[in-house]
C-alpha atoms as a PDB file:
ATOM      1  CA  UNK A   1       4.754  11.716   5.323  1.00  0.00           C
ATOM      2  CA  UNK A   2       4.453   7.993   6.141  1.00  0.00           C
ATOM      3  CA  UNK A   3       0.990   6.504   6.283  1.00  0.00           C
ATOM      4  CA  UNK A   4       1.535   5.453   9.802  1.00  0.00           C
ATOM      5  CA  UNK A   5       2.520   8.792  10.858  1.00  0.00           C
ATOM      6  CA  UNK A   6      -0.536  10.485   9.288  1.00  0.00           C
ATOM      7  CA  UNK A   7      -2.902   7.810  10.761  1.00  0.00           C
ATOM      8  CA  UNK A   8      -1.555   8.219  14.256  1.00  0.00           C
ATOM      9  CA  UNK A   9      -1.663  12.087  13.952  1.00  0.00           C
ATOM     10  CA  UNK A  10      -5.300  12.132  12.715  1.00  0.00           C
ATOM     11  CA  UNK A  11      -6.351   9.665  15.367  1.00  0.00           C
ATOM     12  CA  UNK A  12      -4.486  11.494  18.218  1.00  0.00           C
ATOM     13  CA  UNK A  13      -6.038  14.757  17.270  1.00  0.00           C
ATOM     14  CA  UNK A  14      -9.552  13.567  16.655  1.00  0.00           C
ATOM     15  CA  UNK A  15     -10.167  10.813  19.067  1.00  0.00           C
ATOM     16  CA  UNK A  16     -11.796  13.177  21.774  1.00  0.00           C
ATOM     17  CA  UNK A  17     -14.608  14.252  19.242  1.00  0.00           C
ATOM     18  CA  UNK A  18     -14.612  11.766  16.447  1.00  0.00           C
ATOM     19  CA  UNK A  19     -15.722   8.169  16.353  1.00  0.00           C
ATOM     20  CA  UNK A  20     -13.290   5.626  14.754  1.00  0.00           C
ATOM     21  CA  UNK A  21     -14.138   2.164  13.951  1.00  0.00           C
ATOM     22  CA  UNK A  22     -11.352  -0.242  13.528  1.00  0.00           C
ATOM     23  CA  UNK A  23     -11.425  -3.912  12.613  1.00  0.00           C
ATOM     24  CA  UNK A  24     -14.436  -3.791  10.390  1.00  0.00           C
ATOM     25  CA  UNK A  25     -15.301  -2.815   6.909  1.00  0.00           C
ATOM     26  CA  UNK A  26     -18.261  -1.055   5.259  1.00  0.00           C
ATOM     27  CA  UNK A  27     -20.541  -3.230   3.206  1.00  0.00           C
ATOM     28  CA  UNK A  28     -22.938  -0.563   1.875  1.00  0.00           C
ATOM     29  CA  UNK A  29     -23.570   3.175   1.950  1.00  0.00           C
ATOM     30  CA  UNK A  30     -26.927   4.706   1.276  1.00  0.00           C
ATOM     31  CA  UNK A  31     -27.301   8.569   1.298  1.00  0.00           C
ATOM     32  CA  UNK A  32     -30.581   9.641   2.991  1.00  0.00           C
ATOM     33  CA  UNK A  33     -31.955  13.123   4.021  1.00  0.00           C
ATOM     34  CA  UNK A  34     -31.039  12.052   7.480  1.00  0.00           C
ATOM     35  CA  UNK A  35     -27.469  11.167   6.692  1.00  0.00           C
ATOM     36  CA  UNK A  36     -25.505   8.198   5.431  1.00  0.00           C
ATOM     37  CA  UNK A  37     -26.940   4.753   6.294  1.00  0.00           C
ATOM     38  CA  UNK A  38     -23.998   2.400   6.670  1.00  0.00           C
ATOM     39  CA  UNK A  39     -23.897  -1.315   7.013  1.00  0.00           C
ATOM     40  CA  UNK A  40     -20.832  -3.084   8.221  1.00  0.00           C
ATOM     41  CA  UNK A  41     -19.437  -6.629   7.695  1.00  0.00           C
ATOM     42  CA  UNK A  42     -19.584  -7.283  11.302  1.00  0.00           C
ATOM     43  CA  UNK A  43     -21.205  -4.428  13.394  1.00  0.00           C
ATOM     44  CA  UNK A  44     -24.830  -3.493  13.299  1.00  0.00           C
ATOM     45  CA  UNK A  45     -26.057  -0.810  10.802  1.00  0.00           C
ATOM     46  CA  UNK A  46     -25.774   2.773  11.698  1.00  0.00           C
ATOM     47  CA  UNK A  47     -26.508   6.244  10.399  1.00  0.00           C
ATOM     48  CA  UNK A  48     -23.800   8.915  10.252  1.00  0.00           C
ATOM     49  CA  UNK A  49     -23.623  12.694   9.210  1.00  0.00           C
ATOM     50  CA  UNK A  50     -20.353  12.034   7.450  1.00  0.00           C
ATOM     51  CA  UNK A  51     -18.469   9.005   6.349  1.00  0.00           C
ATOM     52  CA  UNK A  52     -14.807   9.152   5.608  1.00  0.00           C
ATOM     53  CA  UNK A  53     -13.102   6.241   3.954  1.00  0.00           C
ATOM     54  CA  UNK A  54      -9.554   5.926   5.042  1.00  0.00           C
ATOM     55  CA  UNK A  55      -9.208   2.303   3.851  1.00  0.00           C
ATOM     56  CA  UNK A  56      -6.299   2.636   1.481  1.00  0.00           C
ATOM     57  CA  UNK A  57      -5.494   2.927  -2.147  1.00  0.00           C
ATOM     58  CA  UNK A  58      -8.017   0.373  -3.457  1.00  0.00           C
ATOM     59  CA  UNK A  59     -10.798   1.726  -1.140  1.00  0.00           C
ATOM     60  CA  UNK A  60     -13.997  -0.099  -0.556  1.00  0.00           C
ATOM     61  CA  UNK A  61     -15.617   3.058   0.664  1.00  0.00           C
ATOM     62  CA  UNK A  62     -14.589   4.879  -2.711  1.00  0.00           C
ATOM     63  CA  UNK A  63     -16.053   1.754  -4.626  1.00  0.00           C
ATOM     64  CA  UNK A  64     -19.349   1.970  -2.749  1.00  0.00           C
ATOM     65  CA  UNK A  65     -19.682   5.726  -3.296  1.00  0.00           C
ATOM     66  CA  UNK A  66     -18.435   6.107  -6.839  1.00  0.00           C
ATOM     67  CA  UNK A  67     -18.575   2.631  -8.568  1.00  0.00           C
ATOM     68  CA  UNK A  68     -15.908   0.212  -9.711  1.00  0.00           C
ATOM     69  CA  UNK A  69     -12.318   1.386  -9.712  1.00  0.00           C
ATOM     70  CA  UNK A  70     -12.032   0.457 -13.392  1.00  0.00           C
ATOM     71  CA  UNK A  71     -14.504   3.264 -14.168  1.00  0.00           C
ATOM     72  CA  UNK A  72     -12.033   6.057 -12.974  1.00  0.00           C
ATOM     73  CA  UNK A  73      -8.595   4.571 -12.414  1.00  0.00           C
ATOM     74  CA  UNK A  74      -6.102   4.301 -15.259  1.00  0.00           C
ATOM     75  CA  UNK A  75      -3.085   2.320 -14.680  1.00  0.00           C
ATOM     76  CA  UNK A  76       0.416   3.758 -15.520  1.00  0.00           C
ATOM     77  CA  UNK A  77       1.836   0.334 -16.378  1.00  0.00           C
ATOM     78  CA  UNK A  78       4.133   0.378 -13.312  1.00  0.00           C
ATOM     79  CA  UNK A  79       3.968  -1.524 -10.156  1.00  0.00           C
ATOM     80  CA  UNK A  80       5.415  -0.068  -6.781  1.00  0.00           C
ATOM     81  CA  UNK A  81       6.275  -1.752  -3.536  1.00  0.00           C
ATOM     82  CA  UNK A  82       7.439  -0.126  -0.430  1.00  0.00           C
ATOM     83  CA  UNK A  83       8.407  -1.526   2.981  1.00  0.00           C
ATOM     84  CA  UNK A  84      10.578  -0.892   6.054  1.00  0.00           C
ATOM     85  CA  UNK A  85      13.947  -2.666   6.547  1.00  0.00           C
ATOM     86  CA  UNK A  86      16.261  -2.541   9.496  1.00  0.00           C
ATOM     87  CA  UNK A  87      17.959   0.840   9.889  1.00  0.00           C
ATOM     88  CA  UNK A  88      21.341  -0.571  10.179  1.00  0.00           C
ATOM     89  CA  UNK A  89      21.265  -1.331   6.473  1.00  0.00           C
ATOM     90  CA  UNK A  90      21.726   2.330   5.545  1.00  0.00           C
ATOM     91  CA  UNK A  91      24.098   5.157   6.473  1.00  0.00           C
ATOM     92  CA  UNK A  92      22.181   7.883   8.458  1.00  0.00           C
ATOM     93  CA  UNK A  93      20.941  10.740   6.248  1.00  0.00           C
ATOM     94  CA  UNK A  94      21.747   8.909   3.026  1.00  0.00           C
ATOM     95  CA  UNK A  95      19.741   7.080   0.288  1.00  0.00           C
ATOM     96  CA  UNK A  96      20.859   4.909  -2.394  1.00  0.00           C
ATOM     97  CA  UNK A  97      19.019   4.447  -5.676  1.00  0.00           C
ATOM     98  CA  UNK A  98      19.455   2.103  -8.562  1.00  0.00           C
ATOM     99  CA  UNK A  99      17.528   2.970 -11.727  1.00  0.00           C
ATOM    100  CA  UNK A 100      17.289   2.047 -15.338  1.00  0.00           C
ATOM    101  CA  UNK A 101      14.467   2.303 -17.867  1.00  0.00           C
ATOM    102  CA  UNK A 102      11.463   0.389 -16.523  1.00  0.00           C
ATOM    103  CA  UNK A 103      12.763  -0.282 -13.121  1.00  0.00           C
ATOM    104  CA  UNK A 104      13.989   1.283  -9.901  1.00  0.00           C
ATOM    105  CA  UNK A 105      15.175   0.253  -6.482  1.00  0.00           C
ATOM    106  CA  UNK A 106      16.045   2.507  -3.528  1.00  0.00           C
ATOM    107  CA  UNK A 107      16.890   2.358   0.223  1.00  0.00           C
ATOM    108  CA  UNK A 108      17.179   5.298   2.454  1.00  0.00           C
ATOM    109  CA  UNK A 109      17.441   6.225   6.188  1.00  0.00           C
ATOM    110  CA  UNK A 110      14.810   7.993   7.912  1.00  0.00           C
ATOM    111  CA  UNK A 111      15.750  10.785  10.531  1.00  0.00           C
ATOM    112  CA  UNK A 112      12.299  10.453  12.020  1.00  0.00           C
ATOM    113  CA  UNK A 113      12.581   6.500  12.263  1.00  0.00           C
ATOM    114  CA  UNK A 114      16.416   5.816  12.806  1.00  0.00           C
ATOM    115  CA  UNK A 115      15.578   2.211  13.322  1.00  0.00           C
ATOM    116  CA  UNK A 116      13.979   1.732   9.949  1.00  0.00           C
ATOM    117  CA  UNK A 117      15.254   2.160   6.445  1.00  0.00           C
ATOM    118  CA  UNK A 118      12.626   3.041   3.889  1.00  0.00           C
ATOM    119  CA  UNK A 119      12.891   0.922   0.686  1.00  0.00           C
ATOM    120  CA  UNK A 120      11.034   1.112  -2.578  1.00  0.00           C
ATOM    121  CA  UNK A 121      10.849  -0.705  -5.874  1.00  0.00           C
ATOM    122  CA  UNK A 122       9.182   0.340  -9.073  1.00  0.00           C
ATOM    123  CA  UNK A 123       8.991  -1.709 -12.197  1.00  0.00           C
ATOM    124  CA  UNK A 124       6.997  -1.880 -15.462  1.00  0.00           C
ATOM    125  CA  UNK A 125       4.532  -4.699 -15.498  1.00  0.00           C
ATOM    126  CA  UNK A 126       1.010  -5.305 -17.093  1.00  0.00           C
ATOM    127  CA  UNK A 127      -2.110  -4.580 -14.904  1.00  0.00           C
ATOM    128  CA  UNK A 128      -3.189  -7.114 -12.421  1.00  0.00           C
ATOM    129  CA  UNK A 129      -6.918  -7.493 -11.986  1.00  0.00           C
ATOM    130  CA  UNK A 130      -7.856  -9.226  -8.800  1.00  0.00           C
ATOM    131  CA  UNK A 131      -9.537  -8.325  -5.469  1.00  0.00           C
ATOM    132  CA  UNK A 132      -6.769  -6.714  -3.441  1.00  0.00           C
ATOM    133  CA  UNK A 133      -8.335  -7.814  -0.251  1.00  0.00           C
ATOM    134  CA  UNK A 134      -8.366 -11.446  -1.268  1.00  0.00           C
ATOM    135  CA  UNK A 135      -5.083 -12.917   0.083  1.00  0.00           C
ATOM    136  CA  UNK A 136      -5.371 -16.141  -2.145  1.00  0.00           C
ATOM    137  CA  UNK A 137      -5.810 -13.876  -5.165  1.00  0.00           C
ATOM    138  CA  UNK A 138      -2.640 -11.849  -4.157  1.00  0.00           C
ATOM    139  CA  UNK A 139      -0.715 -15.066  -3.754  1.00  0.00           C
ATOM    140  CA  UNK A 140      -1.674 -16.322  -7.225  1.00  0.00           C
ATOM    141  CA  UNK A 141      -1.041 -12.939  -8.761  1.00  0.00           C
ATOM    142  CA  UNK A 142       2.720 -13.135  -7.699  1.00  0.00           C
ATOM    143  CA  UNK A 143       3.532 -15.324 -10.562  1.00  0.00           C
ATOM    144  CA  UNK A 144       3.049 -12.817 -13.430  1.00  0.00           C
ATOM    145  CA  UNK A 145       4.771 -10.474 -12.075  1.00  0.00           C
ATOM    146  CA  UNK A 146       4.999  -9.795  -8.320  1.00  0.00           C
ATOM    147  CA  UNK A 147       3.841  -6.307  -7.113  1.00  0.00           C
ATOM    148  CA  UNK A 148       5.436  -7.268  -3.895  1.00  0.00           C
ATOM    149  CA  UNK A 149       9.164  -7.701  -2.885  1.00  0.00           C
ATOM    150  CA  UNK A 150       9.009 -11.360  -3.064  1.00  0.00           C
ATOM    151  CA  UNK A 151      11.346 -14.116  -4.147  1.00  0.00           C
ATOM    152  CA  UNK A 152       9.392 -14.749  -7.367  1.00  0.00           C
ATOM    153  CA  UNK A 153      10.791 -16.085 -10.729  1.00  0.00           C
ATOM    154  CA  UNK A 154       9.440 -13.007 -12.661  1.00  0.00           C
ATOM    155  CA  UNK A 155      10.794 -10.552 -10.216  1.00  0.00           C
ATOM    156  CA  UNK A 156      14.209 -12.157 -10.049  1.00  0.00           C
ATOM    157  CA  UNK A 157      14.302 -12.055 -13.969  1.00  0.00           C
ATOM    158  CA  UNK A 158      13.432  -8.335 -14.013  1.00  0.00           C
ATOM    159  CA  UNK A 159      16.222  -7.381 -11.707  1.00  0.00           C
ATOM    160  CA  UNK A 160      18.697 -10.300 -12.335  1.00  0.00           C
ATOM    161  CA  UNK A 161      22.392  -9.306 -12.237  1.00  0.00           C
ATOM    162  CA  UNK A 162      21.514  -5.679 -11.513  1.00  0.00           C
ATOM    163  CA  UNK A 163      19.463  -5.013  -8.363  1.00  0.00           C
ATOM    164  CA  UNK A 164      20.655  -8.210  -6.751  1.00  0.00           C
ATOM    165  CA  UNK A 165      24.037  -6.847  -6.231  1.00  0.00           C
ATOM    166  CA  UNK A 166      22.393  -3.672  -4.716  1.00  0.00           C
ATOM    167  CA  UNK A 167      19.957  -5.696  -2.715  1.00  0.00           C
ATOM    168  CA  UNK A 168      22.619  -7.995  -1.131  1.00  0.00           C
ATOM    169  CA  UNK A 169      24.554  -4.922   0.014  1.00  0.00           C
ATOM    170  CA  UNK A 170      21.746  -2.910   1.516  1.00  0.00           C
ATOM    171  CA  UNK A 171      18.687  -5.121   1.869  1.00  0.00           C
ATOM    172  CA  UNK A 172      18.038  -8.677   3.006  1.00  0.00           C
ATOM    173  CA  UNK A 173      18.402 -11.093   0.065  1.00  0.00           C
ATOM    174  CA  UNK A 174      15.547 -10.845  -2.415  1.00  0.00           C
ATOM    175  CA  UNK A 175      16.776 -12.584  -5.484  1.00  0.00           C
END
């Protein structure tokens, strides 16, 4: 299930009896006998009975509740990137995958989203240690190697002569 589908479903089913806060981030959590005291980056502090962090893979809420990611996350040595591409780049109901040791690229149609093609790349790369919410840090990290589908030298070298042929046929040029 795509994240956007899950998010929409949870919001639609819960909006009448659940408070959602968008466009802000939790700065601190403190559990008390009366609930969870929460301070936000922008909004005034509040107390809640329950706090659910739905803020992504590198969750701020999880870090605040359990400590730094490095204490409980072990990297696999691979990077993954996925994004939507125009649906006309694929044949309805079909997927194409290119794979070899240490790298993979795929594109496939989605019957639920015919205007989009789902794409994904996986490649072996060393761990990247940066604040994933810091856009400047993300841009800097692209040089060695990119976790994003970007026109970077290192990414092009990883897939040179292999995925580029695949990419030009099915995806917008990326090499």
